[in-house]
Amino acid sequence: MHDFSSAIAGSRGNSVMRFLFLIVLVANVAVLAYGQGFFGTPPSEQGREPRQLSERNQHAITLGQPLQPGQLR
């Protein structure tokens, strides 16, 4: 004869594992969304002041005459 109580316990264990998997999956998606800034300012950007384009190291670049193809070597 089959032991039906073990079959019922086995199917209950599968549903518990599926439920735990879904909980972990939803938690991971929520943490990813929070980190990417879907719920507001991302944690990596909090406390920072965004710089304007005109404030970014303009003096660090100097332009010269373009090189001719023979001068590259």
PDB file of N, CA and C in Angstrom:
ATOM      1  N   MET A   1       0.832  -1.188   0.000  1.00  0.00           N
ATOM      2  CA  MET A   1       0.000   0.000   0.000  1.00  0.00           C
ATOM      3  C   MET A   1       0.874   1.247   0.000  1.00  0.00           C
ATOM      4  N   HIS A   2       0.350   2.295  -0.579  1.00  0.00           N
ATOM      5  CA  HIS A   2       1.049   3.566  -0.602  1.00  0.00           C
ATOM      6  C   HIS A   2       0.759   4.342   0.673  1.00  0.00           C
ATOM      7  N   ASP A   3       1.736   5.077   1.083  1.00  0.00           N
ATOM      8  CA  ASP A   3       1.553   5.939   2.252  1.00  0.00           C
ATOM      9  C   ASP A   3       1.150   7.320   1.733  1.00  0.00           C
ATOM     10  N   PHE A   4      -0.130   7.630   1.813  1.00  0.00           N
ATOM     11  CA  PHE A   4      -0.636   8.878   1.246  1.00  0.00           C
ATOM     12  C   PHE A   4      -0.212  10.100   2.041  1.00  0.00           C
ATOM     13  N   SER A   5       0.108   9.933   3.303  1.00  0.00           N
ATOM     14  CA  SER A   5       0.524  11.093   4.097  1.00  0.00           C
ATOM     15  C   SER A   5       1.872  11.634   3.609  1.00  0.00           C
ATOM     16  N   SER A   6       2.760  10.750   3.161  1.00  0.00           N
ATOM     17  CA  SER A   6       4.043  11.232   2.648  1.00  0.00           C
ATOM     18  C   SER A   6       3.864  11.913   1.298  1.00  0.00           C
ATOM     19  N   ALA A   7       2.916  11.457   0.477  1.00  0.00           N
ATOM     20  CA  ALA A   7       2.650  12.102  -0.805  1.00  0.00           C
ATOM     21  C   ALA A   7       2.080  13.498  -0.588  1.00  0.00           C
ATOM     22  N   ILE A   8       1.215  13.643   0.391  1.00  0.00           N
ATOM     23  CA  ILE A   8       0.640  14.955   0.685  1.00  0.00           C
ATOM     24  C   ILE A   8       1.717  15.881   1.248  1.00  0.00           C
ATOM     25  N   ALA A   9       2.569  15.371   2.109  1.00  0.00           N
ATOM     26  CA  ALA A   9       3.643  16.191   2.680  1.00  0.00           C
ATOM     27  C   ALA A   9       4.616  16.614   1.591  1.00  0.00           C
ATOM     28  N   GLY A  10       4.872  15.744   0.625  1.00  0.00           N
ATOM     29  CA  GLY A  10       5.774  16.087  -0.465  1.00  0.00           C
ATOM     30  C   GLY A  10       5.222  17.196  -1.330  1.00  0.00           C
ATOM     31  N   SER A  11       3.949  17.157  -1.645  1.00  0.00           N
ATOM     32  CA  SER A  11       3.366  18.219  -2.464  1.00  0.00           C
ATOM     33  C   SER A  11       3.282  19.520  -1.684  1.00  0.00           C
ATOM     34  N   ARG A  12       3.080  19.433  -0.376  1.00  0.00           N
ATOM     35  CA  ARG A  12       3.067  20.637   0.448  1.00  0.00           C
ATOM     36  C   ARG A  12       4.462  21.258   0.482  1.00  0.00           C
ATOM     37  N   GLY A  13       5.492  20.429   0.550  1.00  0.00           N
ATOM     38  CA  GLY A  13       6.859  20.931   0.532  1.00  0.00           C
ATOM     39  C   GLY A  13       7.180  21.641  -0.766  1.00  0.00           C
ATOM     40  N   ASN A  14       6.683  21.115  -1.883  1.00  0.00           N
ATOM     41  CA  ASN A  14       6.909  21.766  -3.175  1.00  0.00           C
ATOM     42  C   ASN A  14       6.250  23.137  -3.225  1.00  0.00           C
ATOM     43  N   SER A  15       5.039  23.249  -2.699  1.00  0.00           N
ATOM     44  CA  SER A  15       4.356  24.539  -2.746  1.00  0.00           C
ATOM     45  C   SER A  15       5.027  25.550  -1.814  1.00  0.00           C
ATOM     46  N   VAL A  16       5.576  25.079  -0.703  1.00  0.00           N
ATOM     47  CA  VAL A  16       6.296  25.971   0.204  1.00  0.00           C
ATOM     48  C   VAL A  16       7.566  26.469  -0.470  1.00  0.00           C
ATOM     49  N   MET A  17       8.275  25.590  -1.164  1.00  0.00           N
ATOM     50  CA  MET A  17       9.487  25.992  -1.865  1.00  0.00           C
ATOM     51  C   MET A  17       9.172  26.975  -2.989  1.00  0.00           C
ATOM     52  N   ARG A  18       8.077  26.759  -3.700  1.00  0.00           N
ATOM     53  CA  ARG A  18       7.674  27.699  -4.749  1.00  0.00           C
ATOM     54  C   ARG A  18       7.349  29.057  -4.146  1.00  0.00           C
ATOM     55  N   PHE A  19       6.647  29.062  -3.033  1.00  0.00           N
ATOM     56  CA  PHE A  19       6.296  30.311  -2.368  1.00  0.00           C
ATOM     57  C   PHE A  19       7.556  31.042  -1.904  1.00  0.00           C
ATOM     58  N   LEU A  20       8.495  30.333  -1.304  1.00  0.00           N
ATOM     59  CA  LEU A  20       9.739  30.961  -0.859  1.00  0.00           C
ATOM     60  C   LEU A  20      10.543  31.487  -2.046  1.00  0.00           C
ATOM     61  N   PHE A  21      10.561  30.746  -3.139  1.00  0.00           N
ATOM     62  CA  PHE A  21      11.250  31.206  -4.338  1.00  0.00           C
ATOM     63  C   PHE A  21      10.637  32.506  -4.853  1.00  0.00           C
ATOM     64  N   LEU A  22       9.313  32.575  -4.891  1.00  0.00           N
ATOM     65  CA  LEU A  22       8.656  33.794  -5.363  1.00  0.00           C
ATOM     66  C   LEU A  22       8.918  34.972  -4.431  1.00  0.00           C
ATOM     67  N   ILE A  23       8.950  34.731  -3.130  1.00  0.00           N
ATOM     68  CA  ILE A  23       9.249  35.800  -2.170  1.00  0.00           C
ATOM     69  C   ILE A  23      10.673  36.333  -2.395  1.00  0.00           C
ATOM     70  N   VAL A  24      11.635  35.438  -2.563  1.00  0.00           N
ATOM     71  CA  VAL A  24      13.021  35.853  -2.798  1.00  0.00           C
ATOM     72  C   VAL A  24      13.139  36.581  -4.137  1.00  0.00           C
ATOM     73  N   LEU A  25      12.445  36.110  -5.153  1.00  0.00           N
ATOM     74  CA  LEU A  25      12.465  36.762  -6.463  1.00  0.00           C
ATOM     75  C   LEU A  25      11.892  38.178  -6.384  1.00  0.00           C
ATOM     76  N   VAL A  26      10.766  38.337  -5.725  1.00  0.00           N
ATOM     77  CA  VAL A  26      10.149  39.666  -5.589  1.00  0.00           C
ATOM     78  C   VAL A  26      11.061  40.584  -4.778  1.00  0.00           C
ATOM     79  N   ALA A  27      11.683  40.063  -3.726  1.00  0.00           N
ATOM     80  CA  ALA A  27      12.595  40.882  -2.924  1.00  0.00           C
ATOM     81  C   ALA A  27      13.793  41.327  -3.756  1.00  0.00           C
ATOM     82  N   ASN A  28      14.347  40.459  -4.575  1.00  0.00           N
ATOM     83  CA  ASN A  28      15.480  40.824  -5.430  1.00  0.00           C
ATOM     84  C   ASN A  28      15.093  41.889  -6.460  1.00  0.00           C
ATOM     85  N   VAL A  29      13.924  41.749  -7.050  1.00  0.00           N
ATOM     86  CA  VAL A  29      13.470  42.740  -8.026  1.00  0.00           C
ATOM     87  C   VAL A  29      13.254  44.087  -7.343  1.00  0.00           C
ATOM     88  N   ALA A  30      12.704  44.072  -6.131  1.00  0.00           N
ATOM     89  CA  ALA A  30      12.478  45.318  -5.397  1.00  0.00           C
ATOM     90  C   ALA A  30      13.795  46.005  -5.047  1.00  0.00           C
ATOM     91  N   VAL A  31      14.791  45.244  -4.620  1.00  0.00           N
ATOM     92  CA  VAL A  31      16.095  45.829  -4.286  1.00  0.00           C
ATOM     93  C   VAL A  31      16.778  46.370  -5.539  1.00  0.00           C
ATOM     94  N   LEU A  32      16.671  45.667  -6.647  1.00  0.00           N
ATOM     95  CA  LEU A  32      17.228  46.154  -7.906  1.00  0.00           C
ATOM     96  C   LEU A  32      16.553  47.456  -8.326  1.00  0.00           C
ATOM     97  N   ALA A  33      15.229  47.505  -8.252  1.00  0.00           N
ATOM     98  CA  ALA A  33      14.497  48.718  -8.625  1.00  0.00           C
ATOM     99  C   ALA A  33      14.885  49.888  -7.720  1.00  0.00           C
ATOM    100  N   TYR A  34      15.048  49.639  -6.437  1.00  0.00           N
ATOM    101  CA  TYR A  34      15.458  50.697  -5.511  1.00  0.00           C
ATOM    102  C   TYR A  34      16.858  51.201  -5.853  1.00  0.00           C
ATOM    103  N   GLY A  35      17.767  50.292  -6.128  1.00  0.00           N
ATOM    104  CA  GLY A  35      19.139  50.663  -6.448  1.00  0.00           C
ATOM    105  C   GLY A  35      19.259  51.409  -7.761  1.00  0.00           C
ATOM    106  N   GLN A  36      18.358  51.133  -8.710  1.00  0.00           N
ATOM    107  CA  GLN A  36      18.389  51.806  -9.999  1.00  0.00           C
ATOM    108  C   GLN A  36      17.654  53.136  -9.981  1.00  0.00           C
ATOM    109  N   GLY A  37      16.936  53.422  -8.894  1.00  0.00           N
ATOM    110  CA  GLY A  37      16.276  54.711  -8.761  1.00  0.00           C
ATOM    111  C   GLY A  37      14.839  54.753  -9.221  1.00  0.00           C
ATOM    112  N   PHE A  38      14.175  53.612  -9.303  1.00  0.00           N
ATOM    113  CA  PHE A  38      12.775  53.604  -9.711  1.00  0.00           C
ATOM    114  C   PHE A  38      11.846  54.174  -8.641  1.00  0.00           C
ATOM    115  N   PHE A  39      12.278  54.233  -7.400  1.00  0.00           N
ATOM    116  CA  PHE A  39      11.458  54.761  -6.309  1.00  0.00           C
ATOM    117  C   PHE A  39      11.938  56.133  -5.859  1.00  0.00           C
ATOM    118  N   GLY A  40      12.720  56.808  -6.656  1.00  0.00           N
ATOM    119  CA  GLY A  40      13.256  58.117  -6.305  1.00  0.00           C
ATOM    120  C   GLY A  40      14.738  58.164  -6.623  1.00  0.00           C
ATOM    121  N   THR A  41      15.452  59.023  -5.925  1.00  0.00           N
ATOM    122  CA  THR A  41      16.884  59.158  -6.143  1.00  0.00           C
ATOM    123  C   THR A  41      17.602  57.886  -5.715  1.00  0.00           C
ATOM    124  N   PRO A  42      18.450  57.318  -6.574  1.00  0.00           N
ATOM    125  CA  PRO A  42      19.170  56.107  -6.175  1.00  0.00           C
ATOM    126  C   PRO A  42      20.126  56.393  -5.021  1.00  0.00           C
ATOM    127  N   PRO A  43      20.393  55.396  -4.185  1.00  0.00           N
ATOM    128  CA  PRO A  43      21.281  55.606  -3.035  1.00  0.00           C
ATOM    129  C   PRO A  43      22.669  56.087  -3.431  1.00  0.00           C
ATOM    130  N   SER A  44      23.149  55.721  -4.598  1.00  0.00           N
ATOM    131  CA  SER A  44      24.485  56.132  -5.016  1.00  0.00           C
ATOM    132  C   SER A  44      24.548  57.620  -5.364  1.00  0.00           C
ATOM    133  N   GLU A  45      23.407  58.241  -5.622  1.00  0.00           N
ATOM    134  CA  GLU A  45      23.379  59.651  -6.003  1.00  0.00           C
ATOM    135  C   GLU A  45      22.896  60.569  -4.892  1.00  0.00           C
ATOM    136  N   GLN A  46      22.511  60.042  -3.750  1.00  0.00           N
ATOM    137  CA  GLN A  46      22.000  60.882  -2.678  1.00  0.00           C
ATOM    138  C   GLN A  46      23.116  61.734  -2.101  1.00  0.00           C
ATOM    139  N   GLY A  47      22.822  62.996  -1.879  1.00  0.00           N
ATOM    140  CA  GLY A  47      23.792  63.907  -1.303  1.00  0.00           C
ATOM    141  C   GLY A  47      24.695  64.570  -2.306  1.00  0.00           C
ATOM    142  N   ARG A  48      24.551  64.268  -3.563  1.00  0.00           N
ATOM    143  CA  ARG A  48      25.388  64.869  -4.596  1.00  0.00           C
ATOM    144  C   ARG A  48      24.660  66.039  -5.240  1.00  0.00           C
ATOM    145  N   GLU A  49      25.417  67.017  -5.616  1.00  0.00           N
ATOM    146  CA  GLU A  49      24.892  68.132  -6.393  1.00  0.00           C
ATOM    147  C   GLU A  49      25.287  67.896  -7.847  1.00  0.00           C
ATOM    148  N   PRO A  50      24.333  67.862  -8.754  1.00  0.00           N
ATOM    149  CA  PRO A  50      24.707  67.656 -10.156  1.00  0.00           C
ATOM    150  C   PRO A  50      25.453  68.868 -10.698  1.00  0.00           C
ATOM    151  N   ARG A  51      26.561  68.618 -11.394  1.00  0.00           N
ATOM    152  CA  ARG A  51      27.356  69.703 -11.967  1.00  0.00           C
ATOM    153  C   ARG A  51      26.807  70.064 -13.339  1.00  0.00           C
ATOM    154  N   GLN A  52      26.891  71.319 -13.650  1.00  0.00           N
ATOM    155  CA  GLN A  52      26.497  71.783 -14.973  1.00  0.00           C
ATOM    156  C   GLN A  52      27.595  71.415 -15.972  1.00  0.00           C
ATOM    157  N   LEU A  53      27.233  71.337 -17.225  1.00  0.00           N
ATOM    158  CA  LEU A  53      28.218  70.986 -18.246  1.00  0.00           C
ATOM    159  C   LEU A  53      29.332  72.024 -18.333  1.00  0.00           C
ATOM    160  N   SER A  54      29.026  73.275 -18.040  1.00  0.00           N
ATOM    161  CA  SER A  54      30.039  74.315 -18.152  1.00  0.00           C
ATOM    162  C   SER A  54      31.075  74.245 -17.026  1.00  0.00           C
ATOM    163  N   GLU A  55      30.822  73.469 -15.993  1.00  0.00           N
ATOM    164  CA  GLU A  55      31.741  73.391 -14.862  1.00  0.00           C
ATOM    165  C   GLU A  55      32.710  72.216 -14.953  1.00  0.00           C
ATOM    166  N   ARG A  56      32.641  71.431 -15.978  1.00  0.00           N
ATOM    167  CA  ARG A  56      33.417  70.196 -16.050  1.00  0.00           C
ATOM    168  C   ARG A  56      34.746  70.386 -16.763  1.00  0.00           C
ATOM    169  N   ASN A  57      35.794  70.620 -16.060  1.00  0.00           N
ATOM    170  CA  ASN A  57      37.190  70.579 -16.519  1.00  0.00           C
ATOM    171  C   ASN A  57      37.411  71.117 -17.930  1.00  0.00           C
ATOM    172  N   GLN A  58      36.973  72.298 -18.179  1.00  0.00           N
ATOM    173  CA  GLN A  58      37.193  72.872 -19.504  1.00  0.00           C
ATOM    174  C   GLN A  58      38.673  73.140 -19.751  1.00  0.00           C
ATOM    175  N   HIS A  59      39.418  73.436 -18.721  1.00  0.00           N
ATOM    176  CA  HIS A  59      40.837  73.747 -18.884  1.00  0.00           C
ATOM    177  C   HIS A  59      41.698  72.499 -19.121  1.00  0.00           C
ATOM    178  N   ALA A  60      41.150  71.318 -18.952  1.00  0.00           N
ATOM    179  CA  ALA A  60      41.928  70.093 -19.081  1.00  0.00           C
ATOM    180  C   ALA A  60      42.136  69.678 -20.542  1.00  0.00           C
ATOM    181  N   ILE A  61      41.390  70.270 -21.459  1.00  0.00           N
ATOM    182  CA  ILE A  61      41.488  69.883 -22.867  1.00  0.00           C
ATOM    183  C   ILE A  61      42.102  71.037 -23.655  1.00  0.00           C
ATOM    184  N   THR A  62      43.113  70.712 -24.420  1.00  0.00           N
ATOM    185  CA  THR A  62      43.689  71.712 -25.323  1.00  0.00           C
ATOM    186  C   THR A  62      43.615  71.173 -26.744  1.00  0.00           C
ATOM    187  N   LEU A  63      43.210  72.033 -27.644  1.00  0.00           N
ATOM    188  CA  LEU A  63      43.066  71.631 -29.038  1.00  0.00           C
ATOM    189  C   LEU A  63      44.259  72.151 -29.826  1.00  0.00           C
ATOM    190  N   GLY A  64      44.753  71.345 -30.726  1.00  0.00           N
ATOM    191  CA  GLY A  64      45.871  71.738 -31.573  1.00  0.00           C
ATOM    192  C   GLY A  64      45.522  71.521 -33.027  1.00  0.00           C
ATOM    193  N   GLN A  65      46.513  71.588 -33.866  1.00  0.00           N
ATOM    194  CA  GLN A  65      46.311  71.363 -35.284  1.00  0.00           C
ATOM    195  C   GLN A  65      46.113  69.873 -35.535  1.00  0.00           C
ATOM    196  N   PRO A  66      45.212  69.518 -36.430  1.00  0.00           N
ATOM    197  CA  PRO A  66      45.030  68.096 -36.734  1.00  0.00           C
ATOM    198  C   PRO A  66      46.261  67.522 -37.434  1.00  0.00           C
ATOM    199  N   LEU A  67      46.545  66.268 -37.173  1.00  0.00           N
ATOM    200  CA  LEU A  67      47.697  65.601 -37.780  1.00  0.00           C
ATOM    201  C   LEU A  67      47.341  65.109 -39.169  1.00  0.00           C
ATOM    202  N   GLN A  68      48.322  65.113 -40.047  1.00  0.00           N
ATOM    203  CA  GLN A  68      48.163  64.561 -41.381  1.00  0.00           C
ATOM    204  C   GLN A  68      48.339  63.052 -41.284  1.00  0.00           C
ATOM    205  N   PRO A  69      47.787  62.288 -42.236  1.00  0.00           N
ATOM    206  CA  PRO A  69      47.896  60.833 -42.179  1.00  0.00           C
ATOM    207  C   PRO A  69      49.327  60.326 -42.099  1.00  0.00           C
ATOM    208  N   GLY A  70      50.289  60.988 -42.674  1.00  0.00           N
ATOM    209  CA  GLY A  70      51.692  60.565 -42.616  1.00  0.00           C
ATOM    210  C   GLY A  70      52.336  60.844 -41.269  1.00  0.00           C
ATOM    211  N   GLN A  71      51.770  61.728 -40.466  1.00  0.00           N
ATOM    212  CA  GLN A  71      52.353  62.120 -39.171  1.00  0.00           C
ATOM    213  C   GLN A  71      51.921  61.201 -38.025  1.00  0.00           C
ATOM    214  N   LEU A  72      51.055  60.271 -38.265  1.00  0.00           N
ATOM    215  CA  LEU A  72      50.547  59.412 -37.200  1.00  0.00           C
ATOM    216  C   LEU A  72      51.602  58.456 -36.645  1.00  0.00           C
ATOM    217  N   ARG A  73      52.621  58.151 -37.428  1.00  0.00           N
ATOM    218  CA  ARG A  73      53.624  57.169 -36.998  1.00  0.00           C
ATOM    219  C   ARG A  73      54.760  57.781 -36.298  1.00  0.00           C
TER     220      ARG A  73
END
